[in-house]
Amino acid sequence: MKFKANIMDEAATARSLARITHEIIERNRGAENIVLVGIKRRGVPLAHMLAANIKRFEGTEPPVGSIDITMYRDDLSEKPRESEISESVVPVSITNKQIILVDDVIYTGRTVRAAIEAIFSYGRPCSIQLAVLVDRGHRELPIRPDFVGKNIPTSKNEIISVKVKEYDGETGVSIYTV
């Protein structure tokens, strides 16, 4: 991979997440019935950042869960097993809750489809909304995020890299060419 550009630094990422938080609160008329569920791996720390923002803005902190979509992928038979399955954690009943599914980047939509399927294995939510830090286009499925930090049009030979402190020691978004 060849570095192309830094798209968002830590401050820009924080501003985008603050805006997404306000949009989530506005659309859901508060935060009382919300459960944030991060898609492993980088969606989880982003979900925690959104929860912290909601607490700061609304005074109430929504539950945060994590979902591993490995067993729900539609390409399991095509790919060699690359990683171990990690545990999904949904800390409360999701029945009749507003689920905010959180991911770092949306690309083809297949990860989100798998995450939605995984969510339904835990119950029947009132609704599922999607928050992503970056939408890079190139959808293969009719899935569209409800909340987007930044739209970054890409070519198929480019990769968006989202970094979060928990895994990378820094926060930001960069683009690379393959």
N, C-alpha and C. Protein backbone atom coordinates (compact mmCIF):
# COMPACT_ATOMS: atom_id res chain seq x y z
N MET A 1 0.84 -1.19 0.00
CA MET A 1 0.00 0.00 0.00
C MET A 1 0.88 1.24 0.00
N LYS A 2 0.41 2.24 -0.70
CA LYS A 2 1.14 3.50 -0.76
C LYS A 2 0.27 4.60 -0.16
N PHE A 3 0.84 5.32 0.80
CA PHE A 3 0.12 6.42 1.45
C PHE A 3 -0.26 7.47 0.41
N LYS A 4 -1.52 7.93 0.49
CA LYS A 4 -1.99 8.96 -0.44
C LYS A 4 -2.26 10.27 0.29
N ALA A 5 -3.05 10.23 1.40
CA ALA A 5 -3.36 11.47 2.10
C ALA A 5 -3.99 11.19 3.46
N ASN A 6 -3.78 12.12 4.38
CA ASN A 6 -4.54 12.11 5.63
C ASN A 6 -5.85 12.84 5.35
N ILE A 7 -6.95 12.22 5.71
CA ILE A 7 -8.27 12.79 5.44
C ILE A 7 -8.82 13.50 6.67
N MET A 8 -8.66 12.87 7.84
CA MET A 8 -9.16 13.44 9.08
C MET A 8 -8.13 13.22 10.18
N ASP A 9 -7.87 14.26 10.96
CA ASP A 9 -7.02 14.09 12.13
C ASP A 9 -7.92 13.84 13.35
N GLU A 10 -7.32 13.81 14.53
CA GLU A 10 -8.10 13.51 15.74
C GLU A 10 -9.20 14.55 15.98
N ALA A 11 -8.88 15.82 15.77
CA ALA A 11 -9.88 16.88 15.99
C ALA A 11 -11.03 16.78 15.00
N ALA A 12 -10.73 16.52 13.73
CA ALA A 12 -11.78 16.39 12.72
C ALA A 12 -12.65 15.17 13.00
N THR A 13 -12.03 14.09 13.46
CA THR A 13 -12.78 12.88 13.83
C THR A 13 -13.72 13.18 14.98
N ALA A 14 -13.22 13.89 15.99
CA ALA A 14 -14.05 14.25 17.15
C ALA A 14 -15.22 15.14 16.74
N ARG A 15 -14.97 16.09 15.83
CA ARG A 15 -16.06 16.96 15.35
C ARG A 15 -17.12 16.15 14.60
N SER A 16 -16.67 15.22 13.76
CA SER A 16 -17.62 14.38 13.01
C SER A 16 -18.45 13.53 13.95
N LEU A 17 -17.81 12.95 14.97
CA LEU A 17 -18.54 12.12 15.93
C LEU A 17 -19.50 12.97 16.77
N ALA A 18 -19.13 14.20 17.09
CA ALA A 18 -20.04 15.09 17.82
C ALA A 18 -21.27 15.40 16.97
N ARG A 19 -21.07 15.67 15.68
CA ARG A 19 -22.20 15.96 14.79
C ARG A 19 -23.10 14.74 14.65
N ILE A 20 -22.49 13.56 14.47
CA ILE A 20 -23.28 12.33 14.38
C ILE A 20 -24.09 12.14 15.66
N THR A 21 -23.47 12.41 16.81
CA THR A 21 -24.17 12.27 18.09
C THR A 21 -25.40 13.16 18.14
N HIS A 22 -25.25 14.42 17.75
CA HIS A 22 -26.39 15.33 17.75
C HIS A 22 -27.49 14.84 16.80
N GLU A 23 -27.10 14.32 15.64
CA GLU A 23 -28.08 13.80 14.68
C GLU A 23 -28.81 12.59 15.26
N ILE A 24 -28.09 11.72 15.94
CA ILE A 24 -28.72 10.53 16.57
C ILE A 24 -29.74 10.99 17.62
N ILE A 25 -29.34 11.92 18.47
CA ILE A 25 -30.23 12.41 19.53
C ILE A 25 -31.47 13.06 18.92
N GLU A 26 -31.26 13.88 17.90
CA GLU A 26 -32.38 14.56 17.25
C GLU A 26 -33.34 13.57 16.59
N ARG A 27 -32.82 12.63 15.83
CA ARG A 27 -33.68 11.68 15.12
C ARG A 27 -34.47 10.80 16.09
N ASN A 28 -33.86 10.47 17.24
CA ASN A 28 -34.50 9.56 18.19
C ASN A 28 -35.19 10.29 19.34
N ARG A 29 -35.29 11.61 19.23
CA ARG A 29 -35.94 12.45 20.25
C ARG A 29 -35.40 12.17 21.64
N GLY A 30 -34.08 12.18 21.74
CA GLY A 30 -33.42 11.88 23.00
C GLY A 30 -32.65 10.58 22.89
N ALA A 31 -32.22 10.07 24.04
CA ALA A 31 -31.37 8.88 24.04
C ALA A 31 -31.89 7.77 24.95
N GLU A 32 -33.12 7.90 25.42
CA GLU A 32 -33.63 6.95 26.42
C GLU A 32 -33.77 5.52 25.91
N ASN A 33 -34.06 5.33 24.64
CA ASN A 33 -34.35 3.99 24.12
C ASN A 33 -33.26 3.48 23.18
N ILE A 34 -32.08 4.10 23.24
CA ILE A 34 -31.00 3.79 22.31
C ILE A 34 -30.05 2.75 22.91
N VAL A 35 -29.60 1.84 22.04
CA VAL A 35 -28.50 0.93 22.36
C VAL A 35 -27.51 1.04 21.21
N LEU A 36 -26.27 1.38 21.52
CA LEU A 36 -25.21 1.46 20.51
C LEU A 36 -24.52 0.10 20.41
N VAL A 37 -24.35 -0.38 19.17
CA VAL A 37 -23.68 -1.67 18.96
C VAL A 37 -22.59 -1.46 17.91
N GLY A 38 -21.35 -1.59 18.35
CA GLY A 38 -20.22 -1.43 17.45
C GLY A 38 -19.89 -2.73 16.74
N ILE A 39 -19.61 -2.63 15.45
CA ILE A 39 -19.17 -3.79 14.68
C ILE A 39 -17.68 -3.95 14.93
N LYS A 40 -17.30 -5.14 15.40
CA LYS A 40 -15.88 -5.37 15.69
C LYS A 40 -15.09 -5.26 14.40
N ARG A 41 -14.14 -4.50 14.39
CA ARG A 41 -13.25 -4.16 15.44
C ARG A 41 -13.33 -2.67 15.72
N ARG A 42 -13.12 -1.82 14.75
CA ARG A 42 -13.04 -0.38 15.03
C ARG A 42 -14.39 0.28 15.27
N GLY A 43 -15.47 -0.37 14.98
CA GLY A 43 -16.78 0.19 15.29
C GLY A 43 -17.04 0.25 16.79
N VAL A 44 -16.39 -0.62 17.54
CA VAL A 44 -16.62 -0.68 18.99
C VAL A 44 -16.09 0.58 19.70
N PRO A 45 -14.83 0.98 19.50
CA PRO A 45 -14.39 2.21 20.16
C PRO A 45 -15.16 3.44 19.66
N LEU A 46 -15.56 3.44 18.39
CA LEU A 46 -16.37 4.56 17.89
C LEU A 46 -17.72 4.60 18.61
N ALA A 47 -18.31 3.43 18.87
CA ALA A 47 -19.58 3.38 19.61
C ALA A 47 -19.40 3.93 21.02
N HIS A 48 -18.29 3.62 21.65
CA HIS A 48 -18.01 4.15 22.99
C HIS A 48 -17.82 5.66 22.97
N MET A 49 -17.19 6.18 21.91
CA MET A 49 -17.03 7.63 21.78
C MET A 49 -18.40 8.31 21.62
N LEU A 50 -19.27 7.69 20.82
CA LEU A 50 -20.63 8.23 20.66
C LEU A 50 -21.38 8.19 21.98
N ALA A 51 -21.24 7.11 22.74
CA ALA A 51 -21.92 6.99 24.04
C ALA A 51 -21.43 8.08 25.00
N ALA A 52 -20.12 8.34 24.98
CA ALA A 52 -19.58 9.40 25.85
C ALA A 52 -20.13 10.76 25.44
N ASN A 53 -20.25 10.99 24.14
CA ASN A 53 -20.85 12.24 23.66
C ASN A 53 -22.30 12.36 24.09
N ILE A 54 -23.06 11.28 23.96
CA ILE A 54 -24.47 11.31 24.37
C ILE A 54 -24.57 11.64 25.85
N LYS A 55 -23.70 11.04 26.65
CA LYS A 55 -23.71 11.32 28.09
C LYS A 55 -23.42 12.80 28.34
N ARG A 56 -22.45 13.34 27.61
CA ARG A 56 -22.09 14.74 27.78
C ARG A 56 -23.22 15.68 27.34
N PHE A 57 -23.89 15.33 26.25
CA PHE A 57 -24.93 16.21 25.70
C PHE A 57 -26.30 16.02 26.35
N GLU A 58 -26.62 14.79 26.74
CA GLU A 58 -27.96 14.46 27.24
C GLU A 58 -28.00 14.09 28.72
N GLY A 59 -26.85 13.79 29.30
CA GLY A 59 -26.82 13.41 30.71
C GLY A 59 -27.16 11.95 30.97
N THR A 60 -27.37 11.19 29.93
CA THR A 60 -27.65 9.76 30.07
C THR A 60 -26.74 8.99 29.13
N GLU A 61 -26.16 7.90 29.63
CA GLU A 61 -25.25 7.12 28.81
C GLU A 61 -25.94 5.85 28.33
N PRO A 62 -26.09 5.69 27.02
CA PRO A 62 -26.74 4.49 26.51
C PRO A 62 -25.84 3.27 26.65
N PRO A 63 -26.43 2.07 26.74
CA PRO A 63 -25.61 0.86 26.75
C PRO A 63 -24.85 0.71 25.43
N VAL A 64 -23.67 0.12 25.51
CA VAL A 64 -22.86 -0.12 24.31
C VAL A 64 -22.54 -1.60 24.24
N GLY A 65 -22.77 -2.17 23.08
CA GLY A 65 -22.44 -3.57 22.85
C GLY A 65 -21.48 -3.70 21.68
N SER A 66 -21.06 -4.92 21.42
CA SER A 66 -20.18 -5.19 20.28
C SER A 66 -20.67 -6.45 19.58
N ILE A 67 -20.51 -6.47 18.29
CA ILE A 67 -21.00 -7.61 17.51
C ILE A 67 -19.88 -8.09 16.59
N ASP A 68 -19.66 -9.40 16.60
CA ASP A 68 -18.70 -10.02 15.69
C ASP A 68 -19.51 -10.64 14.57
N ILE A 69 -19.24 -10.24 13.34
CA ILE A 69 -20.06 -10.68 12.20
C ILE A 69 -19.46 -11.87 11.46
N THR A 70 -18.37 -12.42 11.96
CA THR A 70 -17.65 -13.48 11.25
C THR A 70 -18.56 -14.60 10.77
N MET A 71 -19.39 -15.13 11.65
CA MET A 71 -20.24 -16.27 11.27
C MET A 71 -21.43 -15.89 10.39
N TYR A 72 -21.62 -14.59 10.17
CA TYR A 72 -22.75 -14.11 9.36
C TYR A 72 -22.29 -13.62 7.99
N ARG A 73 -20.99 -13.71 7.72
CA ARG A 73 -20.47 -13.25 6.44
C ARG A 73 -20.98 -14.13 5.30
N ASP A 74 -21.15 -13.53 4.12
CA ASP A 74 -21.63 -14.30 2.97
C ASP A 74 -20.48 -14.88 2.15
N ASP A 75 -19.24 -14.66 2.60
CA ASP A 75 -18.09 -15.18 1.87
C ASP A 75 -17.26 -16.16 2.69
N LEU A 76 -17.85 -16.73 3.72
CA LEU A 76 -17.11 -17.66 4.59
C LEU A 76 -16.52 -18.83 3.81
N SER A 77 -17.27 -19.36 2.86
CA SER A 77 -16.79 -20.52 2.13
C SER A 77 -15.70 -20.15 1.12
N GLU A 78 -15.61 -18.87 0.76
CA GLU A 78 -14.64 -18.44 -0.25
C GLU A 78 -13.29 -18.05 0.33
N LYS A 79 -13.27 -17.64 1.60
CA LYS A 79 -12.04 -17.14 2.20
C LYS A 79 -11.47 -18.13 3.19
N PRO A 80 -10.15 -18.22 3.22
CA PRO A 80 -9.55 -19.03 4.28
C PRO A 80 -9.81 -18.34 5.61
N ARG A 81 -9.87 -19.11 6.64
CA ARG A 81 -10.13 -18.55 7.97
C ARG A 81 -8.97 -17.64 8.37
N GLU A 82 -9.24 -16.33 8.41
CA GLU A 82 -8.19 -15.35 8.66
C GLU A 82 -8.08 -15.00 10.13
N SER A 83 -9.17 -15.00 10.83
CA SER A 83 -9.12 -14.58 12.22
C SER A 83 -10.06 -15.44 13.05
N GLU A 84 -9.79 -15.44 14.32
CA GLU A 84 -10.65 -16.19 15.22
C GLU A 84 -11.94 -15.44 15.44
N ILE A 85 -12.96 -16.17 15.77
CA ILE A 85 -14.24 -15.57 16.10
C ILE A 85 -14.13 -15.00 17.50
N SER A 86 -14.54 -13.76 17.66
CA SER A 86 -14.52 -13.16 18.99
C SER A 86 -15.94 -13.06 19.51
N GLU A 87 -16.05 -12.86 20.78
CA GLU A 87 -17.36 -12.86 21.42
C GLU A 87 -18.12 -11.57 21.13
N SER A 88 -19.39 -11.71 20.83
CA SER A 88 -20.28 -10.56 20.74
C SER A 88 -20.84 -10.30 22.12
N VAL A 89 -20.99 -9.04 22.45
CA VAL A 89 -21.52 -8.66 23.75
C VAL A 89 -22.65 -7.66 23.54
N VAL A 90 -23.85 -8.07 23.88
CA VAL A 90 -25.00 -7.17 23.84
C VAL A 90 -25.52 -7.12 25.27
N PRO A 91 -25.22 -6.01 26.00
CA PRO A 91 -25.41 -5.97 27.45
C PRO A 91 -26.85 -5.86 27.95
N VAL A 92 -27.78 -5.57 27.06
CA VAL A 92 -29.19 -5.43 27.46
C VAL A 92 -30.06 -6.09 26.40
N SER A 93 -31.32 -6.30 26.75
CA SER A 93 -32.27 -6.79 25.76
C SER A 93 -32.44 -5.72 24.68
N ILE A 94 -32.40 -6.13 23.43
CA ILE A 94 -32.57 -5.17 22.35
C ILE A 94 -34.01 -5.11 21.84
N THR A 95 -34.86 -5.95 22.38
CA THR A 95 -36.26 -5.96 21.94
C THR A 95 -36.89 -4.60 22.19
N ASN A 96 -37.50 -4.06 21.15
CA ASN A 96 -38.16 -2.75 21.15
C ASN A 96 -37.21 -1.58 21.44
N LYS A 97 -35.94 -1.76 21.19
CA LYS A 97 -34.95 -0.67 21.35
C LYS A 97 -34.59 -0.10 19.98
N GLN A 98 -34.07 1.12 20.01
CA GLN A 98 -33.52 1.76 18.81
C GLN A 98 -32.05 1.37 18.78
N ILE A 99 -31.67 0.49 17.87
CA ILE A 99 -30.29 0.05 17.77
C ILE A 99 -29.55 0.98 16.82
N ILE A 100 -28.43 1.51 17.29
CA ILE A 100 -27.55 2.29 16.43
C ILE A 100 -26.34 1.41 16.17
N LEU A 101 -26.25 0.86 14.98
CA LEU A 101 -25.14 0.03 14.56
C LEU A 101 -24.01 0.97 14.14
N VAL A 102 -22.82 0.76 14.67
CA VAL A 102 -21.69 1.69 14.44
C VAL A 102 -20.55 0.96 13.77
N ASP A 103 -20.03 1.54 12.67
CA ASP A 103 -18.86 0.98 12.00
C ASP A 103 -17.95 2.11 11.56
N ASP A 104 -16.71 1.75 11.24
CA ASP A 104 -15.75 2.78 10.83
C ASP A 104 -15.96 3.19 9.38
N VAL A 105 -16.05 2.22 8.46
CA VAL A 105 -16.16 2.52 7.03
C VAL A 105 -17.26 1.65 6.43
N ILE A 106 -18.08 2.25 5.58
CA ILE A 106 -19.00 1.43 4.79
C ILE A 106 -18.50 1.45 3.35
N TYR A 107 -18.49 0.25 2.78
CA TYR A 107 -17.98 0.08 1.42
C TYR A 107 -19.05 -0.64 0.61
N THR A 108 -19.01 -1.96 0.53
CA THR A 108 -19.97 -2.70 -0.30
C THR A 108 -21.33 -2.86 0.38
N GLY A 109 -21.37 -2.78 1.70
CA GLY A 109 -22.60 -3.00 2.45
C GLY A 109 -22.72 -4.40 3.00
N ARG A 110 -21.82 -5.28 2.64
CA ARG A 110 -21.91 -6.67 3.07
C ARG A 110 -21.65 -6.85 4.56
N THR A 111 -20.75 -6.09 5.13
CA THR A 111 -20.50 -6.16 6.57
C THR A 111 -21.74 -5.73 7.33
N VAL A 112 -22.39 -4.69 6.87
CA VAL A 112 -23.60 -4.20 7.54
C VAL A 112 -24.72 -5.23 7.44
N ARG A 113 -24.86 -5.86 6.28
CA ARG A 113 -25.87 -6.90 6.12
C ARG A 113 -25.64 -8.01 7.13
N ALA A 114 -24.39 -8.43 7.28
CA ALA A 114 -24.06 -9.48 8.24
C ALA A 114 -24.35 -9.02 9.67
N ALA A 115 -24.04 -7.77 9.97
CA ALA A 115 -24.29 -7.24 11.31
C ALA A 115 -25.77 -7.18 11.63
N ILE A 116 -26.58 -6.81 10.66
CA ILE A 116 -28.03 -6.78 10.87
C ILE A 116 -28.55 -8.18 11.17
N GLU A 117 -28.07 -9.15 10.42
CA GLU A 117 -28.45 -10.54 10.67
C GLU A 117 -28.03 -10.97 12.08
N ALA A 118 -26.84 -10.60 12.48
CA ALA A 118 -26.36 -10.94 13.82
C ALA A 118 -27.21 -10.27 14.90
N ILE A 119 -27.60 -9.02 14.69
CA ILE A 119 -28.44 -8.30 15.66
C ILE A 119 -29.75 -9.05 15.88
N PHE A 120 -30.36 -9.52 14.80
CA PHE A 120 -31.64 -10.21 14.92
C PHE A 120 -31.53 -11.52 15.68
N SER A 121 -30.33 -12.05 15.82
CA SER A 121 -30.17 -13.25 16.64
C SER A 121 -30.29 -12.94 18.13
N TYR A 122 -30.29 -11.64 18.49
CA TYR A 122 -30.43 -11.22 19.88
C TYR A 122 -31.83 -10.72 20.24
N GLY A 123 -32.68 -10.57 19.26
CA GLY A 123 -34.03 -10.08 19.55
C GLY A 123 -34.57 -9.26 18.38
N ARG A 124 -35.71 -8.62 18.63
CA ARG A 124 -36.37 -7.83 17.59
C ARG A 124 -36.40 -6.36 17.99
N PRO A 125 -35.43 -5.59 17.49
CA PRO A 125 -35.40 -4.17 17.85
C PRO A 125 -36.53 -3.41 17.18
N CYS A 126 -36.84 -2.26 17.74
CA CYS A 126 -37.82 -1.35 17.15
C CYS A 126 -37.32 -0.88 15.79
N SER A 127 -36.03 -0.52 15.74
CA SER A 127 -35.40 -0.12 14.48
C SER A 127 -33.89 -0.33 14.59
N ILE A 128 -33.26 -0.38 13.43
CA ILE A 128 -31.80 -0.42 13.36
C ILE A 128 -31.39 0.75 12.48
N GLN A 129 -30.55 1.61 13.04
CA GLN A 129 -30.00 2.74 12.30
C GLN A 129 -28.50 2.51 12.18
N LEU A 130 -27.90 3.07 11.13
CA LEU A 130 -26.49 2.85 10.87
C LEU A 130 -25.72 4.16 10.94
N ALA A 131 -24.66 4.17 11.77
CA ALA A 131 -23.75 5.31 11.87
C ALA A 131 -22.36 4.85 11.44
N VAL A 132 -21.77 5.56 10.49
CA VAL A 132 -20.41 5.24 10.04
C VAL A 132 -19.57 6.51 10.04
N LEU A 133 -18.30 6.35 10.33
CA LEU A 133 -17.40 7.49 10.28
C LEU A 133 -17.13 7.89 8.83
N VAL A 134 -16.95 6.89 7.95
CA VAL A 134 -16.62 7.16 6.55
C VAL A 134 -17.49 6.33 5.62
N ASP A 135 -18.06 6.99 4.61
CA ASP A 135 -18.77 6.30 3.52
C ASP A 135 -17.90 6.48 2.29
N ARG A 136 -17.38 5.38 1.77
CA ARG A 136 -16.48 5.47 0.61
C ARG A 136 -17.14 5.08 -0.70
N GLY A 137 -18.45 4.74 -0.66
CA GLY A 137 -19.15 4.40 -1.90
C GLY A 137 -18.95 2.95 -2.31
N HIS A 138 -19.33 2.64 -3.55
CA HIS A 138 -19.16 1.32 -4.17
C HIS A 138 -20.07 0.25 -3.56
N ARG A 139 -21.30 0.61 -3.22
CA ARG A 139 -22.22 -0.35 -2.61
C ARG A 139 -22.59 -1.47 -3.58
N GLU A 140 -22.67 -2.68 -3.04
CA GLU A 140 -23.13 -3.86 -3.77
C GLU A 140 -24.51 -4.29 -3.30
N LEU A 141 -24.94 -3.76 -2.18
CA LEU A 141 -26.25 -4.08 -1.61
C LEU A 141 -26.99 -2.76 -1.36
N PRO A 142 -28.32 -2.79 -1.33
CA PRO A 142 -29.08 -1.56 -1.13
C PRO A 142 -29.11 -1.13 0.34
N ILE A 143 -27.96 -0.75 0.84
CA ILE A 143 -27.81 -0.35 2.25
C ILE A 143 -27.21 1.05 2.26
N ARG A 144 -27.82 1.92 3.07
CA ARG A 144 -27.36 3.30 3.16
C ARG A 144 -27.28 3.72 4.63
N PRO A 145 -26.19 4.32 5.05
CA PRO A 145 -26.08 4.76 6.44
C PRO A 145 -27.02 5.91 6.74
N ASP A 146 -27.51 5.96 7.99
CA ASP A 146 -28.35 7.05 8.45
C ASP A 146 -27.52 8.24 8.89
N PHE A 147 -26.32 7.97 9.41
CA PHE A 147 -25.45 9.00 9.94
C PHE A 147 -24.04 8.77 9.39
N VAL A 148 -23.47 9.80 8.77
CA VAL A 148 -22.15 9.68 8.13
C VAL A 148 -21.26 10.82 8.60
N GLY A 149 -20.05 10.47 9.04
CA GLY A 149 -19.09 11.49 9.43
C GLY A 149 -18.53 12.21 8.23
N LYS A 150 -18.12 11.46 7.20
CA LYS A 150 -17.54 12.06 6.01
C LYS A 150 -17.72 11.12 4.83
N ASN A 151 -18.16 11.66 3.71
CA ASN A 151 -18.20 10.92 2.45
C ASN A 151 -16.87 11.12 1.76
N ILE A 152 -16.21 10.00 1.43
CA ILE A 152 -14.92 10.06 0.75
C ILE A 152 -15.02 9.19 -0.50
N PRO A 153 -15.29 9.80 -1.65
CA PRO A 153 -15.34 9.02 -2.89
C PRO A 153 -13.97 8.39 -3.15
N THR A 154 -13.98 7.11 -3.45
CA THR A 154 -12.73 6.38 -3.67
C THR A 154 -12.81 5.60 -4.95
N SER A 155 -11.66 5.18 -5.43
CA SER A 155 -11.63 4.19 -6.50
C SER A 155 -11.49 2.83 -5.83
N LYS A 156 -11.72 1.79 -6.59
CA LYS A 156 -11.64 0.45 -6.01
C LYS A 156 -10.21 0.04 -5.65
N ASN A 157 -9.21 0.76 -6.15
CA ASN A 157 -7.83 0.43 -5.79
C ASN A 157 -7.32 1.31 -4.64
N GLU A 158 -8.24 1.94 -3.92
CA GLU A 158 -7.87 2.72 -2.75
C GLU A 158 -8.42 2.07 -1.49
N ILE A 159 -7.76 2.31 -0.39
CA ILE A 159 -8.17 1.76 0.91
C ILE A 159 -8.27 2.91 1.89
N ILE A 160 -9.36 2.92 2.65
CA ILE A 160 -9.52 3.89 3.73
C ILE A 160 -9.06 3.22 5.01
N SER A 161 -8.19 3.88 5.75
CA SER A 161 -7.68 3.35 7.01
C SER A 161 -8.14 4.27 8.15
N VAL A 162 -8.99 3.72 9.02
CA VAL A 162 -9.43 4.45 10.20
C VAL A 162 -8.58 3.97 11.37
N LYS A 163 -8.00 4.90 12.07
CA LYS A 163 -7.19 4.57 13.24
C LYS A 163 -7.89 5.09 14.49
N VAL A 164 -7.87 4.26 15.53
CA VAL A 164 -8.42 4.65 16.84
C VAL A 164 -7.36 4.37 17.89
N LYS A 165 -7.34 5.20 18.93
CA LYS A 165 -6.29 5.09 19.96
C LYS A 165 -6.20 3.70 20.56
N GLU A 166 -7.35 3.05 20.79
CA GLU A 166 -7.37 1.75 21.45
C GLU A 166 -6.54 0.70 20.70
N TYR A 167 -6.51 0.78 19.38
CA TYR A 167 -5.80 -0.23 18.59
C TYR A 167 -4.54 0.30 17.91
N ASP A 168 -4.54 1.60 17.61
CA ASP A 168 -3.47 2.16 16.78
C ASP A 168 -2.62 3.22 17.48
N GLY A 169 -3.01 3.63 18.68
CA GLY A 169 -2.26 4.64 19.39
C GLY A 169 -2.54 6.07 18.94
N GLU A 170 -3.36 6.22 17.91
CA GLU A 170 -3.75 7.54 17.41
C GLU A 170 -5.12 7.44 16.77
N THR A 171 -5.73 8.59 16.56
CA THR A 171 -7.06 8.63 15.93
C THR A 171 -6.99 9.45 14.67
N GLY A 172 -7.57 8.94 13.59
CA GLY A 172 -7.59 9.66 12.33
C GLY A 172 -8.00 8.77 11.18
N VAL A 173 -8.07 9.37 10.01
CA VAL A 173 -8.45 8.64 8.80
C VAL A 173 -7.47 8.99 7.68
N SER A 174 -6.96 7.96 7.02
CA SER A 174 -6.03 8.14 5.90
C SER A 174 -6.52 7.32 4.72
N ILE A 175 -5.99 7.68 3.56
CA ILE A 175 -6.30 6.93 2.34
C ILE A 175 -5.00 6.43 1.73
N TYR A 176 -5.04 5.19 1.23
CA TYR A 176 -3.89 4.55 0.62
C TYR A 176 -4.30 4.01 -0.74
N THR A 177 -3.32 3.85 -1.64
CA THR A 177 -3.56 3.18 -2.91
C THR A 177 -2.89 1.81 -2.85
N VAL A 178 -3.50 0.87 -3.53
CA VAL A 178 -2.97 -0.50 -3.55
C VAL A 178 -2.08 -0.65 -4.75
